[in-house]
Amino acid sequence: MTSAIRRGEPQHALIRYQQALDLARAVHSPLNEAHALEGIGRCAAAAGEAATATTNLTEALKIYQRIGASEAITLAAELDVAG
């Protein structure tokens, strides 16, 4: 899905990330939920929607931190640089 973002097709990727988010929440998988939220945030950023990007990336970060996922370190650093 990240390749769709790189190709300038964030809307295509956004649909897939939203589906992934719905599934992750349905099966109670916080890591996959955070991955999907991060993807949604990156799609929003690529589309120039900074507020939506920040909201989704921050939500993903909170989940990563809560479950102790290593992705929290990288995402926190990215958000700190962007903020």
C-alpha atoms as a PDB file:
ATOM      1  CA  MET A   1       0.000   0.000   0.000  1.00  0.00           C
ATOM      2  CA  THR A   2       2.882   2.347   0.606  1.00  0.00           C
ATOM      3  CA  SER A   3       3.836   1.922  -3.044  1.00  0.00           C
ATOM      4  CA  ALA A   4       0.463   3.419  -4.012  1.00  0.00           C
ATOM      5  CA  ILE A   5       1.290   6.437  -1.884  1.00  0.00           C
ATOM      6  CA  ARG A   6       4.706   6.760  -3.542  1.00  0.00           C
ATOM      7  CA  ARG A   7       3.076   6.532  -6.981  1.00  0.00           C
ATOM      8  CA  GLY A   8       0.861   9.473  -6.044  1.00  0.00           C
ATOM      9  CA  GLU A   9      -2.266   7.354  -5.499  1.00  0.00           C
ATOM     10  CA  PRO A  10      -3.023   7.947  -1.812  1.00  0.00           C
ATOM     11  CA  GLN A  11      -6.779   7.484  -2.349  1.00  0.00           C
ATOM     12  CA  HIS A  12      -6.263   3.894  -3.538  1.00  0.00           C
ATOM     13  CA  ALA A  13      -4.093   3.125  -0.537  1.00  0.00           C
ATOM     14  CA  LEU A  14      -6.500   4.923   1.803  1.00  0.00           C
ATOM     15  CA  ILE A  15      -9.317   2.542   0.862  1.00  0.00           C
ATOM     16  CA  ARG A  16      -7.132  -0.467   1.683  1.00  0.00           C
ATOM     17  CA  TYR A  17      -5.891   1.009   4.964  1.00  0.00           C
ATOM     18  CA  GLN A  18      -9.465   1.791   6.010  1.00  0.00           C
ATOM     19  CA  GLN A  19     -10.455  -1.818   5.282  1.00  0.00           C
ATOM     20  CA  ALA A  20      -7.451  -3.004   7.289  1.00  0.00           C
ATOM     21  CA  LEU A  21      -8.449  -0.711  10.173  1.00  0.00           C
ATOM     22  CA  ASP A  22     -11.981  -2.085  10.210  1.00  0.00           C
ATOM     23  CA  LEU A  23     -10.694  -5.670  10.239  1.00  0.00           C
ATOM     24  CA  ALA A  24      -8.076  -4.984  12.913  1.00  0.00           C
ATOM     25  CA  ARG A  25     -10.701  -3.474  15.180  1.00  0.00           C
ATOM     26  CA  ALA A  26     -13.108  -6.338  14.498  1.00  0.00           C
ATOM     27  CA  VAL A  27     -10.558  -8.930  15.585  1.00  0.00           C
ATOM     28  CA  HIS A  28      -9.129  -6.777  18.398  1.00  0.00           C
ATOM     29  CA  SER A  29      -5.597  -6.564  16.988  1.00  0.00           C
ATOM     30  CA  PRO A  30      -4.027  -3.364  18.328  1.00  0.00           C
ATOM     31  CA  LEU A  31      -0.779  -3.744  16.384  1.00  0.00           C
ATOM     32  CA  ASN A  32      -2.624  -4.074  13.084  1.00  0.00           C
ATOM     33  CA  GLU A  33      -4.943  -1.245  14.117  1.00  0.00           C
ATOM     34  CA  ALA A  34      -1.922   0.990  14.678  1.00  0.00           C
ATOM     35  CA  HIS A  35      -0.373  -0.040  11.351  1.00  0.00           C
ATOM     36  CA  ALA A  36      -3.610   0.843   9.559  1.00  0.00           C
ATOM     37  CA  LEU A  37      -3.899   4.184  11.365  1.00  0.00           C
ATOM     38  CA  GLU A  38      -0.312   4.965  10.457  1.00  0.00           C
ATOM     39  CA  GLY A  39      -1.076   4.153   6.827  1.00  0.00           C
ATOM     40  CA  ILE A  40      -4.171   6.351   6.880  1.00  0.00           C
ATOM     41  CA  GLY A  41      -2.091   9.137   8.360  1.00  0.00           C
ATOM     42  CA  ARG A  42       0.557   8.791   5.672  1.00  0.00           C
ATOM     43  CA  CYS A  43      -2.131   8.850   2.960  1.00  0.00           C
ATOM     44  CA  ALA A  44      -3.560  12.017   4.471  1.00  0.00           C
ATOM     45  CA  ALA A  45      -0.098  13.589   4.560  1.00  0.00           C
ATOM     46  CA  ALA A  46       0.471  12.687   0.914  1.00  0.00           C
ATOM     47  CA  ALA A  47      -2.863  14.299   0.054  1.00  0.00           C
ATOM     48  CA  GLY A  48      -1.887  17.492   1.883  1.00  0.00           C
ATOM     49  CA  GLU A  49      -4.292  16.949   4.782  1.00  0.00           C
ATOM     50  CA  ALA A  50      -1.953  17.785   7.653  1.00  0.00           C
ATOM     51  CA  ALA A  51      -4.524  17.837  10.463  1.00  0.00           C
ATOM     52  CA  THR A  52      -5.968  14.448   9.503  1.00  0.00           C
ATOM     53  CA  ALA A  53      -2.469  13.039   9.123  1.00  0.00           C
ATOM     54  CA  THR A  54      -1.427  14.248  12.566  1.00  0.00           C
ATOM     55  CA  THR A  55      -4.589  12.889  14.199  1.00  0.00           C
ATOM     56  CA  ASN A  56      -4.160   9.402  12.736  1.00  0.00           C
ATOM     57  CA  LEU A  57      -0.409   9.231  13.260  1.00  0.00           C
ATOM     58  CA  THR A  58      -0.798  10.361  16.872  1.00  0.00           C
ATOM     59  CA  GLU A  59      -3.479   7.734  17.477  1.00  0.00           C
ATOM     60  CA  ALA A  60      -1.198   5.080  15.968  1.00  0.00           C
ATOM     61  CA  LEU A  61       1.663   6.243  18.183  1.00  0.00           C
ATOM     62  CA  LYS A  62      -0.471   5.978  21.320  1.00  0.00           C
ATOM     63  CA  ILE A  63      -1.360   2.383  20.457  1.00  0.00           C
ATOM     64  CA  TYR A  64       2.254   1.500  19.635  1.00  0.00           C
ATOM     65  CA  GLN A  65       3.356   2.932  22.979  1.00  0.00           C
ATOM     66  CA  ARG A  66       0.573   1.209  24.922  1.00  0.00           C
ATOM     67  CA  ILE A  67       1.465  -2.220  23.543  1.00  0.00           C
ATOM     68  CA  GLY A  68       5.219  -1.663  23.634  1.00  0.00           C
ATOM     69  CA  ALA A  69       5.710  -1.922  19.867  1.00  0.00           C
ATOM     70  CA  SER A  70       9.099  -0.936  18.470  1.00  0.00           C
ATOM     71  CA  GLU A  71       7.353   1.203  15.823  1.00  0.00           C
ATOM     72  CA  ALA A  72       6.666   3.751  18.571  1.00  0.00           C
ATOM     73  CA  ILE A  73      10.278   4.913  18.574  1.00  0.00           C
ATOM     74  CA  THR A  74      10.430   5.679  14.865  1.00  0.00           C
ATOM     75  CA  LEU A  75       6.997   7.248  14.654  1.00  0.00           C
ATOM     76  CA  ALA A  76       7.584   9.390  17.749  1.00  0.00           C
ATOM     77  CA  ALA A  77      10.793  10.684  16.200  1.00  0.00           C
ATOM     78  CA  GLU A  78       9.020  11.458  12.916  1.00  0.00           C
ATOM     79  CA  LEU A  79       6.207  13.299  14.684  1.00  0.00           C
ATOM     80  CA  ASP A  80       8.691  15.227  16.809  1.00  0.00           C
ATOM     81  CA  VAL A  81      10.570  16.370  13.713  1.00  0.00           C
ATOM     82  CA  ALA A  82       7.351  17.278  11.893  1.00  0.00           C
ATOM     83  CA  GLY A  83       5.855  19.033  14.923  1.00  0.00           C
END
